[in-house]
PDB file of N, CA and C in Angstrom:
ATOM      1  N   UNK A   1      72.449 139.525  72.918  1.00  0.00           N
ATOM      2  CA  UNK A   1      72.941 138.253  72.464  1.00  0.00           C
ATOM      3  C   UNK A   1      74.443 138.121  72.756  1.00  0.00           C
ATOM      4  N   UNK A   2      75.212 139.177  72.510  1.00  0.00           N
ATOM      5  CA  UNK A   2      76.648 139.170  72.747  1.00  0.00           C
ATOM      6  C   UNK A   2      76.953 139.000  74.229  1.00  0.00           C
ATOM      7  N   UNK A   3      76.176 139.640  75.096  1.00  0.00           N
ATOM      8  CA  UNK A   3      76.383 139.533  76.534  1.00  0.00           C
ATOM      9  C   UNK A   3      76.123 138.097  76.990  1.00  0.00           C
ATOM     10  N   UNK A   4      75.066 137.478  76.474  1.00  0.00           N
ATOM     11  CA  UNK A   4      74.736 136.104  76.845  1.00  0.00           C
ATOM     12  C   UNK A   4      75.857 135.154  76.413  1.00  0.00           C
ATOM     13  N   UNK A   5      76.371 135.333  75.209  1.00  0.00           N
ATOM     14  CA  UNK A   5      77.443 134.480  74.699  1.00  0.00           C
ATOM     15  C   UNK A   5      78.714 134.665  75.535  1.00  0.00           C
ATOM     16  N   UNK A   6      79.022 135.902  75.895  1.00  0.00           N
ATOM     17  CA  UNK A   6      80.197 136.179  76.716  1.00  0.00           C
ATOM     18  C   UNK A   6      80.040 135.543  78.093  1.00  0.00           C
ATOM     19  N   UNK A   7      78.859 135.665  78.686  1.00  0.00           N
ATOM     20  CA  UNK A   7      78.592 135.076  79.988  1.00  0.00           C
ATOM     21  C   UNK A   7      78.713 133.554  79.928  1.00  0.00           C
ATOM     22  N   UNK A   8      78.187 132.940  78.877  1.00  0.00           N
ATOM     23  CA  UNK A   8      78.268 131.487  78.701  1.00  0.00           C
ATOM     24  C   UNK A   8      79.717 131.046  78.570  1.00  0.00           C
ATOM     25  N   UNK A   9      80.516 131.797  77.809  1.00  0.00           N
ATOM     26  CA  UNK A   9      81.935 131.474  77.662  1.00  0.00           C
ATOM     27  C   UNK A   9      82.664 131.596  78.991  1.00  0.00           C
ATOM     28  N   UNK A  10      82.317 132.601  79.780  1.00  0.00           N
ATOM     29  CA  UNK A  10      82.959 132.778  81.077  1.00  0.00           C
ATOM     30  C   UNK A  10      82.618 131.615  82.007  1.00  0.00           C
ATOM     31  N   UNK A  11      81.378 131.161  81.979  1.00  0.00           N
ATOM     32  CA  UNK A  11      80.984 130.017  82.801  1.00  0.00           C
ATOM     33  C   UNK A  11      81.738 128.757  82.384  1.00  0.00           C
ATOM     34  N   UNK A  12      81.873 128.567  81.082  1.00  0.00           N
ATOM     35  CA  UNK A  12      82.588 127.403  80.575  1.00  0.00           C
ATOM     36  C   UNK A  12      84.059 127.440  80.997  1.00  0.00           C
ATOM     37  N   UNK A  13      84.694 128.583  80.880  1.00  0.00           N
ATOM     38  CA  UNK A  13      86.093 128.723  81.288  1.00  0.00           C
ATOM     39  C   UNK A  13      86.232 128.464  82.783  1.00  0.00           C
ATOM     40  N   UNK A  14      85.333 128.974  83.583  1.00  0.00           N
ATOM     41  CA  UNK A  14      85.382 128.771  85.029  1.00  0.00           C
ATOM     42  C   UNK A  14      85.201 127.294  85.373  1.00  0.00           C
ATOM     43  N   UNK A  15      84.306 126.623  84.669  1.00  0.00           N
ATOM     44  CA  UNK A  15      84.074 125.198  84.918  1.00  0.00           C
ATOM     45  C   UNK A  15      85.299 124.382  84.537  1.00  0.00           C
ATOM     46  N   UNK A  16      85.900 124.696  83.412  1.00  0.00           N
ATOM     47  CA  UNK A  16      87.080 123.960  82.964  1.00  0.00           C
ATOM     48  C   UNK A  16      88.287 124.237  83.844  1.00  0.00           C
ATOM     49  N   UNK A  17      88.354 125.390  84.433  1.00  0.00           N
ATOM     50  CA  UNK A  17      89.475 125.722  85.314  1.00  0.00           C
ATOM     51  C   UNK A  17      89.480 124.815  86.538  1.00  0.00           C
ATOM     52  N   UNK A  18      88.323 124.324  86.934  1.00  0.00           N
ATOM     53  CA  UNK A  18      88.222 123.416  88.072  1.00  0.00           C
ATOM     54  C   UNK A  18      88.642 122.006  87.731  1.00  0.00           C
ATOM     55  N   UNK A  19      88.750 121.671  86.454  1.00  0.00           N
ATOM     56  CA  UNK A  19      89.191 120.346  86.021  1.00  0.00           C
ATOM     57  C   UNK A  19      90.706 120.336  85.949  1.00  0.00           C
ATOM     58  N   UNK A  20      91.291 119.220  86.370  1.00  0.00           N
ATOM     59  CA  UNK A  20      92.752 119.160  86.335  1.00  0.00           C
ATOM     60  C   UNK A  20      93.270 118.048  85.450  1.00  0.00           C
ATOM     61  N   UNK A  21      92.406 117.445  84.648  1.00  0.00           N
ATOM     62  CA  UNK A  21      92.864 116.433  83.711  1.00  0.00           C
ATOM     63  C   UNK A  21      93.474 115.215  84.374  1.00  0.00           C
ATOM     64  N   UNK A  22      93.101 114.919  85.618  1.00  0.00           N
ATOM     65  CA  UNK A  22      93.616 113.759  86.308  1.00  0.00           C
ATOM     66  C   UNK A  22      94.950 113.983  87.010  1.00  0.00           C
ATOM     67  N   UNK A  23      95.466 115.176  86.983  1.00  0.00           N
ATOM     68  CA  UNK A  23      96.734 115.445  87.642  1.00  0.00           C
ATOM     69  C   UNK A  23      96.504 115.620  89.135  1.00  0.00           C
ATOM     70  N   UNK A  24      97.566 115.445  89.905  1.00  0.00           N
ATOM     71  CA  UNK A  24      97.478 115.604  91.348  1.00  0.00           C
ATOM     72  C   UNK A  24      97.231 117.059  91.696  1.00  0.00           C
ATOM     73  N   UNK A  25      96.265 117.298  92.577  1.00  0.00           N
ATOM     74  CA  UNK A  25      95.990 118.656  93.014  1.00  0.00           C
ATOM     75  C   UNK A  25      97.106 119.115  93.941  1.00  0.00           C
ATOM     76  N   UNK A  26      97.308 120.432  93.985  1.00  0.00           N
ATOM     77  CA  UNK A  26      98.427 120.966  94.766  1.00  0.00           C
ATOM     78  C   UNK A  26      98.319 120.622  96.245  1.00  0.00           C
ATOM     79  N   UNK A  27      97.120 120.455  96.788  1.00  0.00           N
ATOM     80  CA  UNK A  27      96.956 120.139  98.196  1.00  0.00           C
ATOM     81  C   UNK A  27      96.962 118.649  98.489  1.00  0.00           C
ATOM     82  N   UNK A  28      97.028 117.804  97.452  1.00  0.00           N
ATOM     83  CA  UNK A  28      96.982 116.363  97.640  1.00  0.00           C
ATOM     84  C   UNK A  28      98.320 115.839  98.151  1.00  0.00           C
ATOM     85  N   UNK A  29      98.252 114.809  98.958  1.00  0.00           N
ATOM     86  CA  UNK A  29      99.455 114.176  99.484  1.00  0.00           C
ATOM     87  C   UNK A  29     100.045 113.276  98.400  1.00  0.00           C
ATOM     88  N   UNK A  30     101.334 113.420  98.086  1.00  0.00           N
ATOM     89  CA  UNK A  30     101.938 112.576  97.052  1.00  0.00           C
ATOM     90  C   UNK A  30     102.052 111.127  97.533  1.00  0.00           C
ATOM     91  N   UNK A  31     101.743 110.205  96.641  1.00  0.00           N
ATOM     92  CA  UNK A  31     101.773 108.783  96.981  1.00  0.00           C
ATOM     93  C   UNK A  31     102.530 107.990  95.923  1.00  0.00           C
ATOM     94  N   UNK A  32     102.889 106.784  96.288  1.00  0.00           N
ATOM     95  CA  UNK A  32     103.534 105.848  95.380  1.00  0.00           C
ATOM     96  C   UNK A  32     103.013 104.451  95.663  1.00  0.00           C
ATOM     97  N   UNK A  33     103.641 103.469  95.032  1.00  0.00           N
ATOM     98  CA  UNK A  33     103.230 102.076  95.174  1.00  0.00           C
ATOM     99  C   UNK A  33     104.439 101.238  95.576  1.00  0.00           C
ATOM    100  N   UNK A  34     104.193 100.225  96.394  1.00  0.00           N
ATOM    101  CA  UNK A  34     105.227  99.299  96.821  1.00  0.00           C
ATOM    102  C   UNK A  34     104.848  97.911  96.323  1.00  0.00           C
ATOM    103  N   UNK A  35     105.767  97.234  95.632  1.00  0.00           N
ATOM    104  CA  UNK A  35     105.532  95.871  95.165  1.00  0.00           C
ATOM    105  C   UNK A  35     106.732  95.008  95.516  1.00  0.00           C
ATOM    106  N   UNK A  36     106.561  93.707  95.430  1.00  0.00           N
ATOM    107  CA  UNK A  36     107.675  92.800  95.657  1.00  0.00           C
ATOM    108  C   UNK A  36     107.228  91.358  95.645  1.00  0.00           C
ATOM    109  N   UNK A  37     108.188  90.488  95.860  1.00  0.00           N
ATOM    110  CA  UNK A  37     107.936  89.056  95.934  1.00  0.00           C
ATOM    111  C   UNK A  37     108.594  88.532  97.206  1.00  0.00           C
ATOM    112  N   UNK A  38     107.825  87.762  97.976  1.00  0.00           N
ATOM    113  CA  UNK A  38     108.325  87.158  99.206  1.00  0.00           C
ATOM    114  C   UNK A  38     108.716  85.716  98.909  1.00  0.00           C
ATOM    115  N   UNK A  39     109.966  85.385  99.227  1.00  0.00           N
ATOM    116  CA  UNK A  39     110.439  84.014  99.028  1.00  0.00           C
ATOM    117  C   UNK A  39     111.103  83.503 100.294  1.00  0.00           C
ATOM    118  N   UNK A  40     111.241  82.202 100.345  1.00  0.00           N
ATOM    119  CA  UNK A  40     111.985  81.515 101.387  1.00  0.00           C
ATOM    120  C   UNK A  40     112.939  80.552 100.686  1.00  0.00           C
ATOM    121  N   UNK A  41     113.621  79.697 101.415  1.00  0.00           N
ATOM    122  CA  UNK A  41     114.573  78.769 100.811  1.00  0.00           C
ATOM    123  C   UNK A  41     113.942  77.827  99.780  1.00  0.00           C
ATOM    124  N   UNK A  42     112.653  77.543  99.938  1.00  0.00           N
ATOM    125  CA  UNK A  42     111.977  76.606  99.034  1.00  0.00           C
ATOM    126  C   UNK A  42     111.177  77.286  97.938  1.00  0.00           C
ATOM    127  N   UNK A  43     111.239  78.623  97.844  1.00  0.00           N
ATOM    128  CA  UNK A  43     110.501  79.335  96.800  1.00  0.00           C
ATOM    129  C   UNK A  43     109.545  80.363  97.380  1.00  0.00           C
ATOM    130  N   UNK A  44     108.492  80.695  96.604  1.00  0.00           N
ATOM    131  CA  UNK A  44     107.555  81.749  97.033  1.00  0.00           C
ATOM    132  C   UNK A  44     106.867  81.415  98.357  1.00  0.00           C
ATOM    133  N   UNK A  45     106.615  82.463  99.145  1.00  0.00           N
ATOM    134  CA  UNK A  45     105.900  82.309 100.414  1.00  0.00           C
ATOM    135  C   UNK A  45     104.512  82.932 100.243  1.00  0.00           C
ATOM    136  N   UNK A  46     103.495  82.093 100.319  1.00  0.00           N
ATOM    137  CA  UNK A  46     102.101  82.531 100.179  1.00  0.00           C
ATOM    138  C   UNK A  46     101.547  82.970 101.529  1.00  0.00           C
ATOM    139  N   UNK A  47     100.759  84.033 101.534  1.00  0.00           N
ATOM    140  CA  UNK A  47     100.076  84.471 102.748  1.00  0.00           C
ATOM    141  C   UNK A  47     100.942  85.219 103.738  1.00  0.00           C
ATOM    142  N   UNK A  48     102.115  85.674 103.314  1.00  0.00           N
ATOM    143  CA  UNK A  48     102.950  86.478 104.216  1.00  0.00           C
ATOM    144  C   UNK A  48     102.242  87.803 104.495  1.00  0.00           C
ATOM    145  N   UNK A  49     102.333  88.266 105.726  1.00  0.00           N
ATOM    146  CA  UNK A  49     101.711  89.534 106.124  1.00  0.00           C
ATOM    147  C   UNK A  49     102.690  90.671 105.839  1.00  0.00           C
ATOM    148  N   UNK A  50     102.251  91.625 105.021  1.00  0.00           N
ATOM    149  CA  UNK A  50     103.048  92.789 104.662  1.00  0.00           C
ATOM    150  C   UNK A  50     102.507  93.973 105.441  1.00  0.00           C
ATOM    151  N   UNK A  51     103.358  94.665 106.179  1.00  0.00           N
ATOM    152  CA  UNK A  51     102.925  95.834 106.940  1.00  0.00           C
ATOM    153  C   UNK A  51     103.835  97.005 106.610  1.00  0.00           C
ATOM    154  N   UNK A  52     103.232  98.098 106.166  1.00  0.00           N
ATOM    155  CA  UNK A  52     103.955  99.319 105.839  1.00  0.00           C
ATOM    156  C   UNK A  52     103.575 100.379 106.864  1.00  0.00           C
ATOM    157  N   UNK A  53     104.572 100.895 107.572  1.00  0.00           N
ATOM    158  CA  UNK A  53     104.343 101.986 108.514  1.00  0.00           C
ATOM    159  C   UNK A  53     104.879 103.256 107.864  1.00  0.00           C
ATOM    160  N   UNK A  54     103.978 104.221 107.656  1.00  0.00           N
ATOM    161  CA  UNK A  54     104.328 105.469 106.985  1.00  0.00           C
ATOM    162  C   UNK A  54     104.881 106.480 107.994  1.00  0.00           C
ATOM    163  N   UNK A  55     105.471 107.545 107.486  1.00  0.00           N
ATOM    164  CA  UNK A  55     106.119 108.548 108.339  1.00  0.00           C
ATOM    165  C   UNK A  55     105.169 109.119 109.393  1.00  0.00           C
ATOM    166  N   UNK A  56     103.884 109.227 109.076  1.00  0.00           N
ATOM    167  CA  UNK A  56     102.920 109.790 110.030  1.00  0.00           C
ATOM    168  C   UNK A  56     102.425 108.755 111.039  1.00  0.00           C
ATOM    169  N   UNK A  57     102.954 107.520 110.955  1.00  0.00           N
ATOM    170  CA  UNK A  57     102.561 106.475 111.896  1.00  0.00           C
ATOM    171  C   UNK A  57     101.419 105.603 111.407  1.00  0.00           C
ATOM    172  N   UNK A  58     100.752 106.013 110.343  1.00  0.00           N
ATOM    173  CA  UNK A  58      99.655 105.197 109.823  1.00  0.00           C
ATOM    174  C   UNK A  58     100.209 103.956 109.141  1.00  0.00           C
ATOM    175  N   UNK A  59      99.384 102.920 109.065  1.00  0.00           N
ATOM    176  CA  UNK A  59      99.846 101.653 108.512  1.00  0.00           C
ATOM    177  C   UNK A  59      98.976 101.193 107.351  1.00  0.00           C
ATOM    178  N   UNK A  60      99.618 100.509 106.419  1.00  0.00           N
ATOM    179  CA  UNK A  60      98.946  99.872 105.285  1.00  0.00           C
ATOM    180  C   UNK A  60      99.350  98.405 105.338  1.00  0.00           C
ATOM    181  N   UNK A  61      98.449  97.516 104.970  1.00  0.00           N
ATOM    182  CA  UNK A  61      98.756  96.094 105.018  1.00  0.00           C
ATOM    183  C   UNK A  61      98.363  95.400 103.722  1.00  0.00           C
ATOM    184  N   UNK A  62      98.981  94.261 103.501  1.00  0.00           N
ATOM    185  CA  UNK A  62      98.670  93.413 102.345  1.00  0.00           C
ATOM    186  C   UNK A  62      99.120  92.004 102.694  1.00  0.00           C
ATOM    187  N   UNK A  63      98.846  91.073 101.804  1.00  0.00           N
ATOM    188  CA  UNK A  63      99.306  89.691 101.966  1.00  0.00           C
ATOM    189  C   UNK A  63      99.865  89.216 100.635  1.00  0.00           C
ATOM    190  N   UNK A  64     100.871  88.364 100.706  1.00  0.00           N
ATOM    191  CA  UNK A  64     101.453  87.846  99.469  1.00  0.00           C
ATOM    192  C   UNK A  64     100.534  86.775  98.868  1.00  0.00           C
ATOM    193  N   UNK A  65     100.554  86.709  97.549  1.00  0.00           N
ATOM    194  CA  UNK A  65      99.734  85.734  96.820  1.00  0.00           C
ATOM    195  C   UNK A  65     100.449  84.383  96.768  1.00  0.00           C
ATOM    196  N   UNK A  66      99.853  83.417  96.087  1.00  0.00           N
ATOM    197  CA  UNK A  66     100.434  82.074  95.984  1.00  0.00           C
ATOM    198  C   UNK A  66     101.836  82.100  95.377  1.00  0.00           C
ATOM    199  N   UNK A  67     102.095  83.072  94.499  1.00  0.00           N
ATOM    200  CA  UNK A  67     103.430  83.171  93.891  1.00  0.00           C
ATOM    201  C   UNK A  67     104.341  84.148  94.642  1.00  0.00           C
ATOM    202  N   UNK A  68     103.922  84.550  95.866  1.00  0.00           N
ATOM    203  CA  UNK A  68     104.738  85.416  96.713  1.00  0.00           C
ATOM    204  C   UNK A  68     104.612  86.904  96.443  1.00  0.00           C
ATOM    205  N   UNK A  69     103.849  87.276  95.407  1.00  0.00           N
ATOM    206  CA  UNK A  69     103.730  88.686  95.005  1.00  0.00           C
ATOM    207  C   UNK A  69     102.870  89.480  95.993  1.00  0.00           C
ATOM    208  N   UNK A  70     103.273  90.732  96.229  1.00  0.00           N
ATOM    209  CA  UNK A  70     102.435  91.647  97.011  1.00  0.00           C
ATOM    210  C   UNK A  70     102.481  93.030  96.379  1.00  0.00           C
ATOM    211  N   UNK A  71     101.441  93.800  96.662  1.00  0.00           N
ATOM    212  CA  UNK A  71     101.360  95.188  96.192  1.00  0.00           C
ATOM    213  C   UNK A  71     100.606  96.007  97.218  1.00  0.00           C
ATOM    214  N   UNK A  72     101.186  97.145  97.561  1.00  0.00           N
ATOM    215  CA  UNK A  72     100.531  98.097  98.462  1.00  0.00           C
ATOM    216  C   UNK A  72     100.492  99.417  97.711  1.00  0.00           C
ATOM    217  N   UNK A  73      99.295  99.869  97.382  1.00  0.00           N
ATOM    218  CA  UNK A  73      99.188 101.126  96.635  1.00  0.00           C
ATOM    219  C   UNK A  73      98.808 102.275  97.557  1.00  0.00           C
ATOM    220  N   UNK A  74      98.950 103.490  97.034  1.00  0.00           N
ATOM    221  CA  UNK A  74      98.632 104.719  97.748  1.00  0.00           C
ATOM    222  C   UNK A  74      99.428 104.855  99.044  1.00  0.00           C
ATOM    223  N   UNK A  75     100.713 104.486  99.003  1.00  0.00           N
ATOM    224  CA  UNK A  75     101.614 104.661 100.138  1.00  0.00           C
ATOM    225  C   UNK A  75     102.113 106.108 100.100  1.00  0.00           C
ATOM    226  N   UNK A  76     102.003 106.796 101.212  1.00  0.00           N
ATOM    227  CA  UNK A  76     102.466 108.179 101.277  1.00  0.00           C
ATOM    228  C   UNK A  76     103.960 108.231 100.955  1.00  0.00           C
ATOM    229  N   UNK A  77     104.317 109.115 100.027  1.00  0.00           N
ATOM    230  CA  UNK A  77     105.725 109.246  99.629  1.00  0.00           C
ATOM    231  C   UNK A  77     106.574 109.654 100.823  1.00  0.00           C
ATOM    232  N   UNK A  78     107.780 109.109 100.875  1.00  0.00           N
ATOM    233  CA  UNK A  78     108.712 109.393 101.959  1.00  0.00           C
ATOM    234  C   UNK A  78     109.274 108.095 102.507  1.00  0.00           C
ATOM    235  N   UNK A  79     109.914 108.187 103.652  1.00  0.00           N
ATOM    236  CA  UNK A  79     110.516 107.006 104.274  1.00  0.00           C
ATOM    237  C   UNK A  79     109.445 106.170 104.956  1.00  0.00           C
ATOM    238  N   UNK A  80     109.489 104.876 104.699  1.00  0.00           N
ATOM    239  CA  UNK A  80     108.544 103.934 105.302  1.00  0.00           C
ATOM    240  C   UNK A  80     109.329 102.838 106.016  1.00  0.00           C
ATOM    241  N   UNK A  81     108.649 102.144 106.911  1.00  0.00           N
ATOM    242  CA  UNK A  81     109.210 100.919 107.478  1.00  0.00           C
ATOM    243  C   UNK A  81     108.385  99.770 106.917  1.00  0.00           C
ATOM    244  N   UNK A  82     109.056  98.789 106.357  1.00  0.00           N
ATOM    245  CA  UNK A  82     108.404  97.617 105.783  1.00  0.00           C
ATOM    246  C   UNK A  82     108.718  96.420 106.666  1.00  0.00           C
ATOM    247  N   UNK A  83     107.662  95.721 107.074  1.00  0.00           N
ATOM    248  CA  UNK A  83     107.814  94.534 107.906  1.00  0.00           C
ATOM    249  C   UNK A  83     107.053  93.390 107.240  1.00  0.00           C
ATOM    250  N   UNK A  84     107.703  92.226 107.127  1.00  0.00           N
ATOM    251  CA  UNK A  84     107.082  91.064 106.504  1.00  0.00           C
ATOM    252  C   UNK A  84     107.203  89.891 107.471  1.00  0.00           C
ATOM    253  N   UNK A  85     106.077  89.221 107.708  1.00  0.00           N
ATOM    254  CA  UNK A  85     106.083  88.071 108.612  1.00  0.00           C
ATOM    255  C   UNK A  85     105.246  86.942 108.015  1.00  0.00           C
ATOM    256  N   UNK A  86     105.635  85.731 108.359  1.00  0.00           N
ATOM    257  CA  UNK A  86     104.908  84.539 107.926  1.00  0.00           C
ATOM    258  C   UNK A  86     105.191  83.436 108.939  1.00  0.00           C
ATOM    259  N   UNK A  87     104.256  82.508 109.072  1.00  0.00           N
ATOM    260  CA  UNK A  87     104.418  81.391 109.993  1.00  0.00           C
ATOM    261  C   UNK A  87     105.688  80.621 109.654  1.00  0.00           C
ATOM    262  N   UNK A  88     106.442  80.271 110.684  1.00  0.00           N
ATOM    263  CA  UNK A  88     107.656  79.458 110.580  1.00  0.00           C
ATOM    264  C   UNK A  88     108.857  80.219 110.018  1.00  0.00           C
ATOM    265  N   UNK A  89     108.739  81.567 109.917  1.00  0.00           N
ATOM    266  CA  UNK A  89     109.846  82.389 109.411  1.00  0.00           C
ATOM    267  C   UNK A  89     110.121  83.529 110.385  1.00  0.00           C
ATOM    268  N   UNK A  90     111.372  83.983 110.422  1.00  0.00           N
ATOM    269  CA  UNK A  90     111.733  85.160 111.214  1.00  0.00           C
ATOM    270  C   UNK A  90     111.150  86.404 110.551  1.00  0.00           C
ATOM    271  N   UNK A  91     110.762  87.381 111.346  1.00  0.00           N
ATOM    272  CA  UNK A  91     110.237  88.651 110.825  1.00  0.00           C
ATOM    273  C   UNK A  91     111.364  89.373 110.086  1.00  0.00           C
ATOM    274  N   UNK A  92     111.027  89.936 108.932  1.00  0.00           N
ATOM    275  CA  UNK A  92     111.978  90.677 108.105  1.00  0.00           C
ATOM    276  C   UNK A  92     111.557  92.141 108.116  1.00  0.00           C
ATOM    277  N   UNK A  93     112.513  93.065 108.327  1.00  0.00           N
ATOM    278  CA  UNK A  93     112.195  94.495 108.361  1.00  0.00           C
ATOM    279  C   UNK A  93     113.266  95.297 107.642  1.00  0.00           C
ATOM    280  N   UNK A  94     112.834  96.410 107.056  1.00  0.00           N
ATOM    281  CA  UNK A  94     113.757  97.367 106.465  1.00  0.00           C
ATOM    282  C   UNK A  94     113.081  98.718 106.372  1.00  0.00           C
ATOM    283  N   UNK A  95     113.871  99.757 106.179  1.00  0.00           N
ATOM    284  CA  UNK A  95     113.359 101.083 105.855  1.00  0.00           C
ATOM    285  C   UNK A  95     113.580 101.301 104.371  1.00  0.00           C
ATOM    286  N   UNK A  96     112.677 102.003 103.741  1.00  0.00           N
ATOM    287  CA  UNK A  96     112.785 102.277 102.307  1.00  0.00           C
ATOM    288  C   UNK A  96     112.177 103.642 102.031  1.00  0.00           C
ATOM    289  N   UNK A  97     112.459 104.174 100.853  1.00  0.00           N
ATOM    290  CA  UNK A  97     111.918 105.469 100.456  1.00  0.00           C
ATOM    291  C   UNK A  97     111.000 105.280  99.258  1.00  0.00           C
ATOM    292  N   UNK A  98     109.752 105.705  99.424  1.00  0.00           N
ATOM    293  CA  UNK A  98     108.764 105.672  98.347  1.00  0.00           C
ATOM    294  C   UNK A  98     108.731 107.053  97.704  1.00  0.00           C
ATOM    295  N   UNK A  99     108.907 107.083  96.398  1.00  0.00           N
ATOM    296  CA  UNK A  99     108.901 108.343  95.652  1.00  0.00           C
ATOM    297  C   UNK A  99     107.488 108.630  95.147  1.00  0.00           C
ATOM    298  N   UNK A 100     107.117 109.915  95.007  1.00  0.00           N
ATOM    299  CA  UNK A 100     105.792 110.260  94.498  1.00  0.00           C
ATOM    300  C   UNK A 100     105.577 109.726  93.075  1.00  0.00           C
ATOM    301  N   UNK A 101     104.413 109.192  92.830  1.00  0.00           N
ATOM    302  CA  UNK A 101     104.005 108.712  91.505  1.00  0.00           C
ATOM    303  C   UNK A 101     104.970 107.676  90.929  1.00  0.00           C
ATOM    304  N   UNK A 102     105.577 106.879  91.797  1.00  0.00           N
ATOM    305  CA  UNK A 102     106.524 105.859  91.350  1.00  0.00           C
ATOM    306  C   UNK A 102     106.232 104.545  92.067  1.00  0.00           C
ATOM    307  N   UNK A 103     106.785 103.469  91.521  1.00  0.00           N
ATOM    308  CA  UNK A 103     106.655 102.151  92.133  1.00  0.00           C
ATOM    309  C   UNK A 103     108.008 101.708  92.653  1.00  0.00           C
ATOM    310  N   UNK A 104     108.042 101.372  93.935  1.00  0.00           N
ATOM    311  CA  UNK A 104     109.239 100.835  94.560  1.00  0.00           C
ATOM    312  C   UNK A 104     109.103  99.326  94.600  1.00  0.00           C
ATOM    313  N   UNK A 105     110.067  98.616  94.043  1.00  0.00           N
ATOM    314  CA  UNK A 105     110.070  97.156  94.080  1.00  0.00           C
ATOM    315  C   UNK A 105     111.021  96.706  95.176  1.00  0.00           C
ATOM    316  N   UNK A 106     110.504  95.935  96.131  1.00  0.00           N
ATOM    317  CA  UNK A 106     111.315  95.466  97.262  1.00  0.00           C
ATOM    318  C   UNK A 106     111.041  93.976  97.466  1.00  0.00           C
ATOM    319  N   UNK A 107     111.917  93.143  96.932  1.00  0.00           N
ATOM    320  CA  UNK A 107     111.773  91.696  97.154  1.00  0.00           C
ATOM    321  C   UNK A 107     112.258  91.353  98.544  1.00  0.00           C
ATOM    322  N   UNK A 108     111.672  90.290  99.119  1.00  0.00           N
ATOM    323  CA  UNK A 108     111.944  89.906 100.502  1.00  0.00           C
ATOM    324  C   UNK A 108     112.309  88.420 100.545  1.00  0.00           C
ATOM    325  N   UNK A 109     113.406  88.121 101.202  1.00  0.00           N
ATOM    326  CA  UNK A 109     113.828  86.720 101.389  1.00  0.00           C
ATOM    327  C   UNK A 109     113.728  86.404 102.867  1.00  0.00           C
ATOM    328  N   UNK A 110     112.774  85.535 103.242  1.00  0.00           N
ATOM    329  CA  UNK A 110     112.564  85.170 104.645  1.00  0.00           C
ATOM    330  C   UNK A 110     113.466  83.997 105.041  1.00  0.00           C
ATOM    331  N   UNK A 111     113.845  84.014 106.318  1.00  0.00           N
ATOM    332  CA  UNK A 111     114.697  82.975 106.892  1.00  0.00           C
ATOM    333  C   UNK A 111     113.849  82.098 107.814  1.00  0.00           C
ATOM    334  N   UNK A 112     113.902  80.778 107.643  1.00  0.00           N
ATOM    335  CA  UNK A 112     113.128  79.889 108.529  1.00  0.00           C
ATOM    336  C   UNK A 112     113.575  80.026 109.968  1.00  0.00           C
ATOM    337  N   UNK A 113     112.653  79.782 110.901  1.00  0.00           N
ATOM    338  CA  UNK A 113     112.986  79.789 112.346  1.00  0.00           C
ATOM    339  C   UNK A 113     113.700  78.507 112.724  1.00  0.00           C
TER     340      UNK A 113
END
């Protein structure tokens, strides 16, 4: 009986050791989130194309909502290039740094063509 109980406890400990309580695993790539609002001279710009180019060359995209808001989640932490374009506006670009497990807020003001 004692051996069975010890074996059961060992199995339970081994199973729980595989759980990480929702924390990032050591081999996981750290990510963050990018948010912002796109505006022009007349206010929010709806439907602007948001393009994030990550350090490894991969890209993430989004579009601004009716109130100009955008959000790109799961962006690989590190330096990114952010490009925003919309009809009748000049393309806007910048480099920014996304920190692990953090949200970077980057508002964008577009200039009409």
